[in-house]
Every structure is written in C-alpha cells, then in structure tokens.
Protein backbone atom coordinates (compact mmCIF):
# COMPACT_ATOMS: atom_id res chain seq x y z
CA MET A 1 -70.69 -12.30 -29.74
CA PRO A 2 -72.80 -12.52 -32.91
CA ALA A 3 -72.51 -9.64 -35.37
CA THR A 4 -76.27 -9.04 -35.17
CA ASP A 5 -75.98 -8.43 -31.41
CA SER A 6 -73.29 -5.80 -32.04
CA LEU A 7 -75.54 -4.08 -34.58
CA LYS A 8 -78.42 -4.13 -32.12
CA HIS A 9 -76.19 -2.56 -29.50
CA LEU A 10 -75.12 0.20 -31.91
CA LEU A 11 -78.78 0.91 -32.66
CA TRP A 12 -79.59 0.82 -28.94
CA LEU A 13 -76.88 3.35 -28.11
CA SER A 14 -77.72 5.64 -31.03
CA GLN A 15 -81.38 5.74 -29.96
CA THR A 16 -80.72 6.05 -26.21
CA LEU A 17 -78.56 9.20 -26.19
CA ASP A 18 -78.03 12.27 -28.33
CA THR A 19 -75.38 11.87 -31.02
CA GLN A 20 -72.53 13.67 -29.28
CA THR A 21 -73.02 11.89 -25.93
CA ALA A 22 -73.49 8.53 -27.65
CA TRP A 23 -70.16 9.03 -29.43
CA GLN A 24 -68.42 9.89 -26.14
CA VAL A 25 -69.81 6.77 -24.49
CA TYR A 26 -68.89 4.66 -27.52
CA THR A 27 -65.27 5.87 -27.54
CA HIS A 28 -64.94 5.44 -23.76
CA PHE A 29 -66.05 1.80 -23.81
CA GLY A 30 -64.48 1.03 -27.20
CA SER A 31 -67.69 -0.45 -28.57
CA ALA A 32 -71.45 -0.23 -28.28
CA SER A 33 -71.49 -3.73 -26.78
CA GLY A 34 -69.11 -2.62 -24.06
CA ALA A 35 -71.44 0.27 -23.27
CA TYR A 36 -74.48 -2.03 -23.30
CA TYR A 37 -72.98 -4.40 -20.73
CA GLY A 38 -71.87 -1.57 -18.46
CA ASP A 39 -73.67 -0.84 -15.20
CA ARG A 40 -74.40 2.17 -13.01
CA ARG A 41 -70.92 2.10 -11.44
CA ASP A 42 -69.32 2.21 -14.90
CA TYR A 43 -71.57 5.02 -16.11
CA ARG A 44 -71.02 7.17 -13.01
CA LEU A 45 -67.30 7.27 -13.82
CA LEU A 46 -68.08 9.34 -16.93
CA PRO A 47 -68.19 13.03 -15.90
CA PHE A 48 -70.14 14.10 -18.98
CA LEU A 49 -73.13 11.87 -18.17
CA GLN A 50 -76.07 13.33 -16.28
CA ALA A 51 -78.26 11.29 -13.93
CA ARG A 52 -81.05 11.23 -16.49
CA GLN A 53 -78.70 9.82 -19.15
CA ILE A 54 -77.36 7.18 -16.77
CA ALA A 55 -80.92 6.06 -16.12
CA LEU A 56 -81.50 5.76 -19.87
CA LEU A 57 -78.37 3.62 -20.28
CA GLU A 58 -79.58 1.29 -17.54
CA ASP A 59 -82.58 0.40 -19.67
CA LYS A 60 -81.27 -2.61 -21.61
CA SER A 61 -84.35 -3.20 -23.73
CA LEU A 62 -83.50 -3.89 -27.39
CA ARG A 63 -87.08 -3.61 -28.58
CA ARG A 64 -86.52 -0.32 -30.43
CA ALA A 65 -83.40 -1.70 -32.13
CA GLU A 66 -85.32 -4.77 -33.28
CA GLU A 67 -88.13 -2.58 -34.62
CA ILE A 68 -85.64 -0.53 -36.63
CA LEU A 69 -84.02 -3.68 -38.04
CA ALA A 70 -87.43 -4.99 -39.12
CA ASP A 71 -88.42 -1.65 -40.68
CA CYS A 72 -85.16 -1.45 -42.64
CA GLN A 73 -85.57 -4.98 -43.93
CA ASP A 74 -89.17 -4.35 -45.00
CA ARG A 75 -88.33 -1.07 -46.76
CA GLY A 76 -85.05 -2.04 -48.41
CA ILE A 77 -82.96 0.34 -46.28
CA GLN A 78 -79.31 -0.42 -45.53
CA ILE A 79 -77.78 0.25 -42.11
CA ILE A 80 -74.24 1.63 -42.23
CA THR A 81 -72.35 1.71 -38.93
CA VAL A 82 -69.21 3.56 -37.94
CA GLN A 83 -67.45 0.18 -37.95
CA ASP A 84 -68.19 -0.51 -41.63
CA ALA A 85 -65.66 0.01 -44.42
CA VAL A 86 -68.20 1.92 -46.53
CA TYR A 87 -68.80 4.50 -43.78
CA PRO A 88 -67.66 7.88 -45.19
CA PRO A 89 -64.03 8.19 -44.00
CA ALA A 90 -64.08 11.99 -43.63
CA LEU A 91 -67.20 11.78 -41.46
CA ARG A 92 -65.34 9.80 -38.80
CA ASP A 93 -63.11 12.81 -38.18
CA ILE A 94 -65.79 15.30 -37.12
CA GLU A 95 -66.48 16.05 -33.47
CA ASP A 96 -69.68 14.01 -33.20
CA PRO A 97 -69.95 11.43 -36.00
CA PRO A 98 -73.17 9.40 -36.12
CA LEU A 99 -72.80 5.80 -34.95
CA VAL A 100 -75.41 4.65 -37.45
CA LEU A 101 -76.49 5.84 -40.89
CA TYR A 102 -79.50 4.70 -42.92
CA LEU A 103 -79.14 4.46 -46.67
CA ARG A 104 -81.25 3.83 -49.73
CA GLY A 105 -79.31 3.31 -52.94
CA GLN A 106 -75.68 2.54 -53.70
CA ALA A 107 -73.48 2.40 -50.59
CA LEU A 108 -70.34 2.16 -52.73
CA ASN A 109 -70.62 5.86 -53.59
CA LEU A 110 -70.07 6.82 -49.94
CA ASN A 111 -66.36 6.17 -50.55
CA ALA A 112 -66.10 8.42 -53.62
CA PRO A 113 -62.55 9.82 -53.93
CA PHE A 114 -63.72 13.46 -53.92
CA ILE A 115 -67.07 14.73 -52.62
CA VAL A 116 -68.48 18.22 -53.18
CA ALA A 117 -71.33 19.27 -50.87
CA MET A 118 -73.69 21.89 -52.24
CA ALA A 119 -76.11 24.06 -50.29
CA GLY A 120 -78.36 27.00 -51.07
CA THR A 121 -81.59 28.68 -50.15
CA ARG A 122 -84.96 27.21 -51.06
CA HIS A 123 -85.98 30.76 -52.08
CA ALA A 124 -83.37 30.85 -54.83
CA THR A 125 -83.41 33.35 -57.67
CA PRO A 126 -83.30 32.10 -61.29
CA TYR A 127 -79.60 33.03 -61.22
CA GLY A 128 -79.00 30.86 -58.13
CA LYS A 129 -80.91 27.92 -59.58
CA LYS A 130 -78.92 28.14 -62.80
CA LEU A 131 -75.62 28.25 -60.92
CA ALA A 132 -76.55 25.23 -58.76
CA HIS A 133 -77.59 23.25 -61.84
CA SER A 134 -74.55 24.12 -63.97
CA PHE A 135 -71.95 23.58 -61.24
CA ALA A 136 -73.46 20.22 -60.27
CA PHE A 137 -73.62 19.14 -63.91
CA ASP A 138 -70.02 20.09 -64.70
CA LEU A 139 -68.55 18.68 -61.50
CA SER A 140 -70.43 15.42 -61.88
CA ARG A 141 -69.39 15.02 -65.49
CA ALA A 142 -65.79 15.49 -64.40
CA GLY A 143 -66.07 12.52 -62.02
CA LEU A 144 -66.65 14.29 -58.70
CA LEU A 145 -69.53 13.23 -56.47
CA VAL A 146 -72.07 15.98 -55.71
CA VAL A 147 -73.98 15.64 -52.43
CA THR A 148 -76.74 18.00 -51.34
CA GLY A 149 -80.17 18.12 -49.70
CA VAL A 150 -83.49 17.60 -51.43
CA VAL A 151 -85.43 20.77 -50.63
CA MET A 152 -86.69 23.06 -53.37
CA GLY A 153 -84.50 25.79 -54.80
CA CYS A 154 -80.73 25.30 -55.01
CA ASP A 155 -80.70 21.73 -53.67
CA GLU A 156 -83.26 20.46 -56.15
CA ASN A 157 -81.54 22.11 -59.11
CA ALA A 158 -78.15 20.74 -58.06
CA LEU A 159 -79.62 17.24 -57.93
CA LEU A 160 -81.20 17.61 -61.35
CA GLY A 161 -77.92 18.86 -62.80
CA ALA A 162 -75.94 15.92 -61.40
CA LEU A 163 -78.57 13.43 -62.56
CA GLN A 164 -78.60 14.91 -66.05
CA ALA A 165 -74.83 14.46 -66.16
CA GLY A 166 -75.44 10.71 -65.89
CA GLN A 167 -73.27 10.27 -62.81
CA PRO A 168 -73.94 9.15 -59.22
CA VAL A 169 -75.38 11.74 -56.85
CA GLY A 170 -75.98 11.81 -53.09
CA ALA A 171 -78.59 13.47 -50.90
CA VAL A 172 -78.54 13.82 -47.11
CA VAL A 173 -81.99 14.23 -45.55
CA ALA A 174 -83.20 15.40 -42.14
CA GLY A 175 -85.88 12.72 -41.69
CA GLY A 176 -86.02 9.08 -42.67
CA VAL A 177 -84.77 8.13 -46.12
CA ASP A 178 -88.22 6.69 -46.81
CA VAL A 179 -90.08 9.95 -46.04
CA PRO A 180 -90.11 12.49 -48.93
CA TYR A 181 -89.94 16.15 -47.93
CA TYR A 182 -92.92 17.02 -50.12
CA ASN A 183 -96.03 14.96 -50.69
CA THR A 184 -95.85 15.33 -54.46
CA ASP A 185 -95.29 12.95 -57.34
CA ALA A 186 -92.33 15.04 -58.49
CA CYS A 187 -90.58 14.67 -55.12
CA ARG A 188 -91.23 10.95 -55.00
CA ARG A 189 -89.85 10.55 -58.54
CA LEU A 190 -86.76 12.55 -57.53
CA TYR A 191 -86.22 10.22 -54.56
CA GLU A 192 -86.43 7.20 -56.84
CA ASP A 193 -83.98 8.72 -59.34
CA ILE A 194 -81.51 9.49 -56.55
CA THR A 195 -81.65 5.96 -55.13
CA THR A 196 -81.29 4.43 -58.60
CA TYR A 197 -78.15 6.37 -59.51
CA GLY A 198 -76.77 7.32 -56.10
CA PHE A 199 -77.96 7.33 -52.51
CA LEU A 200 -80.21 8.91 -49.90
CA LEU A 201 -78.57 9.13 -46.47
CA SER A 202 -79.75 10.01 -42.96
CA GLU A 203 -78.99 9.30 -39.33
CA SER A 204 -82.72 9.21 -38.54
CA PRO A 205 -84.39 5.78 -38.58
CA PRO A 206 -87.13 4.90 -41.09
CA GLY A 207 -90.42 6.72 -40.70
CA THR A 208 -88.93 9.84 -39.07
CA ARG A 209 -90.62 13.04 -40.22
CA PRO A 210 -88.24 15.89 -41.09
CA THR A 211 -88.32 18.60 -38.42
CA ALA A 212 -86.47 21.88 -37.92
CA GLN A 213 -84.20 20.52 -35.19
CA LEU A 214 -83.05 17.68 -37.44
CA PHE A 215 -81.67 19.99 -40.13
CA ARG A 216 -78.53 21.01 -38.21
CA ALA A 217 -77.81 17.33 -37.60
CA ARG A 218 -78.28 16.74 -41.32
CA ASN A 219 -76.00 19.65 -42.22
CA ARG A 220 -73.08 18.37 -40.13
CA ILE A 221 -73.25 15.06 -42.04
CA LEU A 222 -73.50 16.82 -45.40
CA THR A 223 -70.41 18.94 -44.72
CA GLY A 224 -68.59 16.31 -42.65
CA MET A 225 -68.46 13.75 -45.46
CA ALA A 226 -67.35 16.32 -48.06
CA ASP A 227 -63.94 17.45 -49.24
CA CYS A 228 -65.24 20.94 -49.95
CA VAL A 229 -68.53 22.85 -49.78
CA ILE A 230 -70.25 25.20 -52.24
CA CYS A 231 -72.86 27.61 -50.89
CA VAL A 232 -74.73 29.10 -53.83
CA GLU A 233 -77.23 31.57 -52.41
CA GLY A 234 -78.65 32.39 -48.99
CA ASP A 235 -79.90 35.27 -46.88
CA LEU A 236 -78.36 36.28 -43.57
CA ALA A 237 -80.34 33.71 -41.55
CA SER A 238 -80.53 30.97 -44.17
CA GLY A 239 -79.54 27.37 -43.77
CA ALA A 240 -76.92 27.84 -46.51
CA VAL A 241 -75.00 30.34 -44.35
CA GLN A 242 -75.28 27.97 -41.37
CA VAL A 243 -73.88 25.20 -43.58
CA ALA A 244 -70.93 27.43 -44.49
CA HIS A 245 -70.10 28.20 -40.84
CA LEU A 246 -70.47 24.53 -39.88
CA ALA A 247 -68.15 23.48 -42.72
CA LEU A 248 -65.55 26.03 -41.65
CA GLU A 249 -65.70 24.69 -38.09
CA GLN A 250 -65.02 21.21 -39.48
CA GLY A 251 -62.01 22.45 -41.44
CA ARG A 252 -63.61 22.14 -44.87
CA GLU A 253 -62.85 24.64 -47.62
CA VAL A 254 -65.95 26.65 -48.50
CA PHE A 255 -66.57 28.21 -51.93
CA VAL A 256 -69.20 30.88 -52.60
CA PRO A 257 -70.05 32.32 -56.03
CA PRO A 258 -70.85 36.05 -55.97
CA ALA A 259 -74.59 36.74 -56.26
CA ASN A 260 -76.63 39.73 -57.32
CA ILE A 261 -76.02 42.73 -55.07
CA GLY A 262 -79.05 43.80 -53.08
CA VAL A 263 -81.06 40.63 -53.62
CA PRO A 264 -82.34 39.49 -50.17
CA SER A 265 -81.75 35.80 -50.90
CA ALA A 266 -78.05 36.50 -51.51
CA LEU A 267 -77.20 38.86 -48.64
CA GLY A 268 -75.83 36.07 -46.45
CA THR A 269 -73.53 34.44 -48.99
CA ASN A 270 -72.26 37.79 -50.26
CA ASP A 271 -71.52 38.75 -46.65
CA LEU A 272 -69.41 35.60 -46.27
CA ILE A 273 -67.29 36.77 -49.20
CA ARG A 274 -66.98 40.31 -47.83
CA ALA A 275 -65.87 38.97 -44.43
CA GLY A 276 -63.16 36.88 -46.10
CA TYR A 277 -64.30 33.62 -44.51
CA VAL A 278 -64.67 31.73 -47.80
CA SER A 279 -63.05 31.31 -51.20
CA VAL A 280 -64.72 33.12 -54.08
CA LEU A 281 -66.00 30.67 -56.69
CA LEU A 282 -65.76 32.19 -60.15
CA ASP A 283 -65.40 29.05 -62.24
CA LYS A 284 -65.59 25.28 -61.92
CA GLU A 285 -61.80 25.25 -62.37
CA ASP A 286 -61.51 26.49 -58.78
CA ILE A 287 -62.97 23.17 -57.61
CA PHE A 288 -60.98 21.15 -60.14
CA ASP A 289 -57.74 22.69 -58.87
CA LEU A 290 -58.51 21.53 -55.33
CA ALA A 291 -59.59 18.10 -56.56
CA ARG A 292 -56.43 17.68 -58.60
CA GLN A 293 -54.33 18.20 -55.49
CA ARG A 294 -56.19 15.36 -53.76
CA PHE A 295 -56.24 13.07 -56.79
CA ALA A 296 -52.55 13.64 -57.46
CA ALA A 297 -51.78 11.72 -54.27
CA VAL A 298 -53.34 8.60 -55.77
CA GLY A 299 -52.23 9.17 -59.33
CA ARG A 300 -55.61 10.03 -60.84
CA LEU A 301 -56.70 13.51 -61.89
CA PRO A 302 -60.28 14.53 -62.64
CA GLU A 303 -60.80 15.63 -66.21
CA LEU A 304 -62.67 18.59 -67.55
CA PRO A 305 -66.20 17.92 -68.81
CA GLU A 306 -65.11 18.54 -72.41
CA ALA A 307 -62.36 15.95 -72.07
CA VAL A 308 -64.78 13.49 -70.50
CA ARG A 309 -67.19 13.85 -73.39
CA ALA A 310 -64.43 13.36 -75.96
CA GLN A 311 -63.01 10.40 -74.09
CA ARG A 312 -66.40 8.73 -73.73
CA MET A 313 -67.05 9.12 -77.47
CA ALA A 314 -63.63 7.64 -78.24
CA VAL A 315 -64.16 4.74 -75.84
CA GLU A 316 -67.61 3.96 -77.22
CA SER A 317 -66.33 4.16 -80.79
CA GLU A 318 -63.38 1.93 -79.93
CA ALA A 319 -65.62 -0.56 -78.16
CA LEU A 320 -67.96 -0.80 -81.14
CA SER A 321 -65.12 -1.25 -83.60
CA ASP A 322 -62.91 -3.52 -81.49
CA ARG A 323 -65.31 -6.02 -79.99
CA PRO A 324 -66.24 -8.04 -83.09
CA PRO A 325 -62.66 -8.48 -84.38
CA LYS A 326 -61.47 -9.14 -80.84
CA GLN A 327 -63.89 -12.02 -80.50
CA LYS A 328 -62.90 -13.39 -83.88
CA ALA A 329 -59.20 -13.09 -83.09
CA GLU A 330 -59.52 -14.86 -79.78
CA ALA A 331 -61.78 -17.63 -81.02
CA PRO A 332 -58.96 -19.76 -82.51
CA GLU A 333 -56.97 -19.43 -79.25
CA ALA A 334 -59.95 -20.68 -77.28
CA GLN A 335 -60.07 -23.93 -79.30
CA PRO A 336 -58.00 -26.73 -77.72
CA SER A 337 -55.13 -28.12 -79.70
CA PRO A 338 -55.48 -31.79 -80.78
CA GLY A 339 -53.09 -33.02 -78.10
CA LYS A 340 -54.40 -30.78 -75.30
CA GLU A 341 -58.13 -31.59 -75.30
CA GLU A 342 -58.07 -33.65 -72.12
CA GLU A 343 -55.95 -31.10 -70.24
CA LYS A 344 -58.29 -28.26 -71.31
CA ILE A 345 -61.36 -30.06 -69.98
CA SER A 346 -59.77 -31.17 -66.71
CA GLN A 347 -58.47 -27.70 -65.74
CA PRO A 348 -60.67 -25.02 -67.38
CA GLU A 349 -60.38 -22.65 -64.46
CA LYS A 350 -56.62 -22.30 -64.82
CA SER A 351 -56.66 -20.46 -68.14
CA PRO A 352 -56.73 -16.90 -66.75
CA GLU A 353 -53.94 -17.76 -64.28
CA LYS A 354 -51.82 -19.35 -67.03
CA LYS A 355 -52.22 -16.21 -69.11
CA VAL A 356 -50.93 -14.05 -66.25
CA ASP A 357 -48.18 -16.50 -65.23
CA SER A 358 -46.82 -16.50 -68.76
CA SER A 359 -46.01 -12.78 -68.59
CA PRO A 360 -42.29 -11.91 -68.85
CA VAL A 361 -42.15 -10.75 -65.21
CA SER A 362 -43.98 -13.86 -63.98
CA ASP A 363 -46.31 -11.83 -61.78
CA TYR A 364 -49.19 -13.86 -60.39
CA ILE A 365 -52.64 -12.43 -59.75
CA ASP A 366 -54.60 -14.47 -57.21
CA LEU A 367 -58.24 -13.39 -57.20
CA ASN A 368 -58.87 -15.16 -53.93
CA ALA A 369 -56.26 -12.92 -52.28
CA LEU A 370 -58.21 -9.86 -53.43
CA ARG A 371 -61.56 -11.07 -52.09
CA ASP A 372 -61.16 -9.67 -48.58
CA ARG A 373 -59.91 -6.31 -49.88
CA CYS A 374 -62.88 -5.62 -52.17
CA SER A 375 -66.59 -5.02 -52.05
CA ASP A 376 -68.78 -7.37 -54.09
CA THR A 377 -68.90 -4.92 -57.01
CA GLU A 378 -65.15 -4.35 -56.91
CA PHE A 379 -64.49 -8.09 -56.88
CA GLN A 380 -66.76 -8.59 -59.89
CA CYS A 381 -64.76 -5.95 -61.75
CA CYS A 382 -61.50 -7.70 -60.80
CA SER A 383 -62.89 -11.01 -62.04
CA VAL A 384 -63.61 -9.50 -65.45
CA LEU A 385 -60.19 -7.80 -65.61
CA ALA A 386 -58.52 -11.11 -64.82
CA GLY A 387 -59.23 -11.95 -68.47
CA GLY A 388 -57.26 -8.93 -69.68
CA PRO A 389 -57.45 -5.14 -69.96
CA ALA A 390 -60.90 -3.68 -70.58
CA THR A 391 -62.71 -0.35 -70.75
CA ALA A 392 -65.25 0.60 -68.11
CA ASP A 393 -68.06 -0.20 -70.54
CA GLU A 394 -66.61 -3.65 -71.21
CA VAL A 395 -66.24 -4.32 -67.49
CA ALA A 396 -69.84 -3.23 -66.93
CA ALA A 397 -71.01 -5.60 -69.68
CA GLY A 398 -68.98 -8.44 -68.17
CA CYS A 399 -70.40 -7.79 -64.69
CA SER A 400 -73.96 -7.07 -65.89
CA LEU A 401 -73.87 -3.93 -63.73
CA PRO A 402 -74.67 -0.25 -64.44
CA VAL A 403 -71.74 1.72 -65.87
CA VAL A 404 -72.05 4.34 -63.10
CA ALA A 405 -71.56 1.67 -60.43
CA VAL A 406 -68.60 0.16 -62.29
CA ASN A 407 -66.96 3.58 -62.77
CA SER A 408 -67.12 4.19 -59.02
CA ALA A 409 -65.76 0.71 -58.27
CA LEU A 410 -62.87 1.12 -60.71
CA THR A 411 -61.96 4.47 -59.15
CA ILE A 412 -61.82 2.89 -55.68
CA LEU A 413 -59.77 -0.05 -57.02
CA CYS A 414 -57.26 2.38 -58.57
CA ILE A 415 -56.94 4.18 -55.24
CA LYS A 416 -56.36 0.85 -53.47
CA GLY A 417 -53.64 0.06 -56.00
CA LEU A 418 -55.40 -3.10 -57.16
CA VAL A 419 -56.17 -1.78 -60.66
CA THR A 420 -54.33 0.57 -63.02
CA GLU A 421 -55.69 2.67 -65.87
CA GLY A 422 -53.70 2.89 -69.09
CA PRO A 423 -53.46 5.84 -71.49
CA ASP A 424 -55.96 4.06 -73.74
CA SER A 425 -58.62 4.23 -70.96
CA ARG A 426 -58.38 0.49 -70.42
CA PHE A 427 -58.16 -0.88 -66.90
CA SER A 428 -55.89 -3.75 -65.84
CA LEU A 429 -55.32 -5.70 -62.67
CA ALA A 430 -52.15 -4.67 -60.88
CA ALA A 431 -49.80 -7.60 -60.37
CA HIS A 432 -49.20 -8.71 -56.78
C-alpha cells in the first residue's frame, strides 16, 4: 500500500473520532489502514465504540484528509504522524497520544534530549513575567529546549527569553499552527520568530480557530512531550494549575517557584506548593540537577549558562585563529605527488576513507551505512565530520545550515553514539 494512502488513513481516523477513541481503534487494528478497511462486524467487536462512532467509521470518504494534505502543502506545514521517527518519544507514552501532529518550523527539535515545558497565567504580575523570562533564558542557554504556549503573560515572556538566548524554542498551540492567537503584528512576528528558530506544534489541522475546549488537548501535548514542567504563576482556576495537575497525572515532575503571598494570580501555584504536590523551584540549578541525571545516561551533561558563554567565546576565538593556518597546513597535502596524479584524479572520492582507514586501529567509517540512521541534517553533519574533527560552528559552515539546527543535530548524533565530542569541543565521527 502506498505511503500516501497510509497517511490519508491516519488523517481520516484522526478526524473521524475523538483523540482517545481514535487511539484505541488504532492500537486495536495495529494501523490506521487496518481500521479504514474494517467493517461494521469488526467495529462492533470493540466494546468502547458507540453506535454513533461505528456509523462514523463506516464513512470511508477521504475528502477531508485530501483537503488537509492540500492545505498543509499550500501553507508549508509538516504532518508528523505517530509512526514517524521525529514524533516526540515521550508523547507516545501518554494515555491518549495524538495520531497526527501539524508543525511549522524545525521538526528536528521535537527529539531534543531534554524538554522543559513552561506554563503560567496570562494575567501575570511583573514578578511572574520576569521569572518566566529569566528561567527560559538560562535553561535555553544551557542547552535545554523550552516549550510553552503563545498566550500573553508568562508564555510570551518565556518565549522571548528563550529566543533571546539564541537557542531553539517550541510552542504548542490550541488551534492551527497557521492561526495566530492575536490579530496583531507583534503576535505574527512572534510566530515567525518561533518557526525560524524552533517550531509551532498542534494536533488541530490548518485553519482551526483556537477555542476553549482545545486548550486541554493542547496542554496534554505540552506536558506529555516534556521531561519536566515549570508552572510560574496562576490563580486557583487558572490553566497553569490545570497544566500542573495534568503533568502529575502523566508522571512528569512539576516545579513551581514561590510567588508573592496574597496576590490573586499566584494563589493557585502557591497552593500547589502548600499541598506538597510539586517541587519548589528556587533556582535554575534544580532543573539542571534533574537534566544531569538524564544526560548522564548518554554521557552528556548540560552546562551552566556561564560555562556556555565562556565555551562559545573560546570556540569562536579558536575558530578564528585556527582556520587560516589550518587551510595553509593542509594545502600541501591536498596537492598530488608527481607519481600519484593519475590515481588522485581517478579516485577522488576515496580520500576521506583512506584517511580513516590509515588510523592505527583501522576503523572504517562508511557514510552510506549511516544514511538510514540519520535525518538529512544529521547526515550532512556526518559528511562534514568525515573530513576530520570540527567544532559546531565549523560543521554549520560546512553544511551551510544555521548553528542552532546543527547543535541540535550533533546532540542527537551523540545520543545515537554516531558522534563523540572531545574535551576541546570538537566533534568526531565514532568509528564503526
């Protein structure tokens, strides 16, 4: 069966039933295509299906799926399915994961090694806005991915903090990823900045207006894809408190910074602390400690913002000082020897392999063997590193890609064990 038919069937199922029921049907049949080709007798065997839902499943029209595909193509929106490698791995483990996600921006960031979800009231105090901004800035600069919503207040300030840190950022929205929450130039510019340096994500198809009932669905994705959740400020009935409870139900660790006593917009989050449901967040180190435990399993620890700044300055200084002499030093080696001219011309593509094969351990790196294990960006990074160790900036220059995208790709490659990072901040291909 063609892959496009499978995608149409996933879209058909996701639009025919509510998310939880669609997931139950999907897991029962093993695929959306299996569900599509089922009949009334098959559907009646499922005790959770009502007569109305069975009637919906009997409608085999793919018109809506085809409309969504056309809209996504016209608007530059990617469709991520639960079958795709870039689908957020933690999201698959929740009770009712979405079969289909719609994305604008960089899909690679969905597989960030450590994701921090941030939530807070839109009626934030100056204190809450400052906390959201500073935490997002520091966590992003340390290499963690911050994901939040895009409403005013805490969400907006968290996004601005992460963007000012110069790192990728994610936003999960209740409506379509092409429909800004606010009809303002500032909101539209924020959407463009997010898609340039990170991603906008939703389970609602293009053109969907954000409505109240869609926010809980959005929140379960926001918390479900995260390793931990920070709730900055919120009153007793706020969405931030609902996010905290939802995250706890999903088994995520929730952090709450203490807020001003007696301020209405902080009553809910302060009550979470008093009840003992959450961890008190007093410093960014609380998040770094949790992240280090996760990163330790793959041999990479997030660094403090101060260390990141110092390292970046050292790398940039080294790159500026090393590149010219490096080119000059390698130029004589690139010239063919008098007796080797014909061999050099007849087999130019073998030079990187010869360089690796000549190593004392005789390890051989076959780029073709890595192709199926990498995304396009990751493979481009591997191709550059096949020529020798390089910094992230040098890899980005060799790939002609943004540094933020290359940093994310290198992190994923290190986790996969395909690339190693040396103490000099240079990356190398791991021998296989």
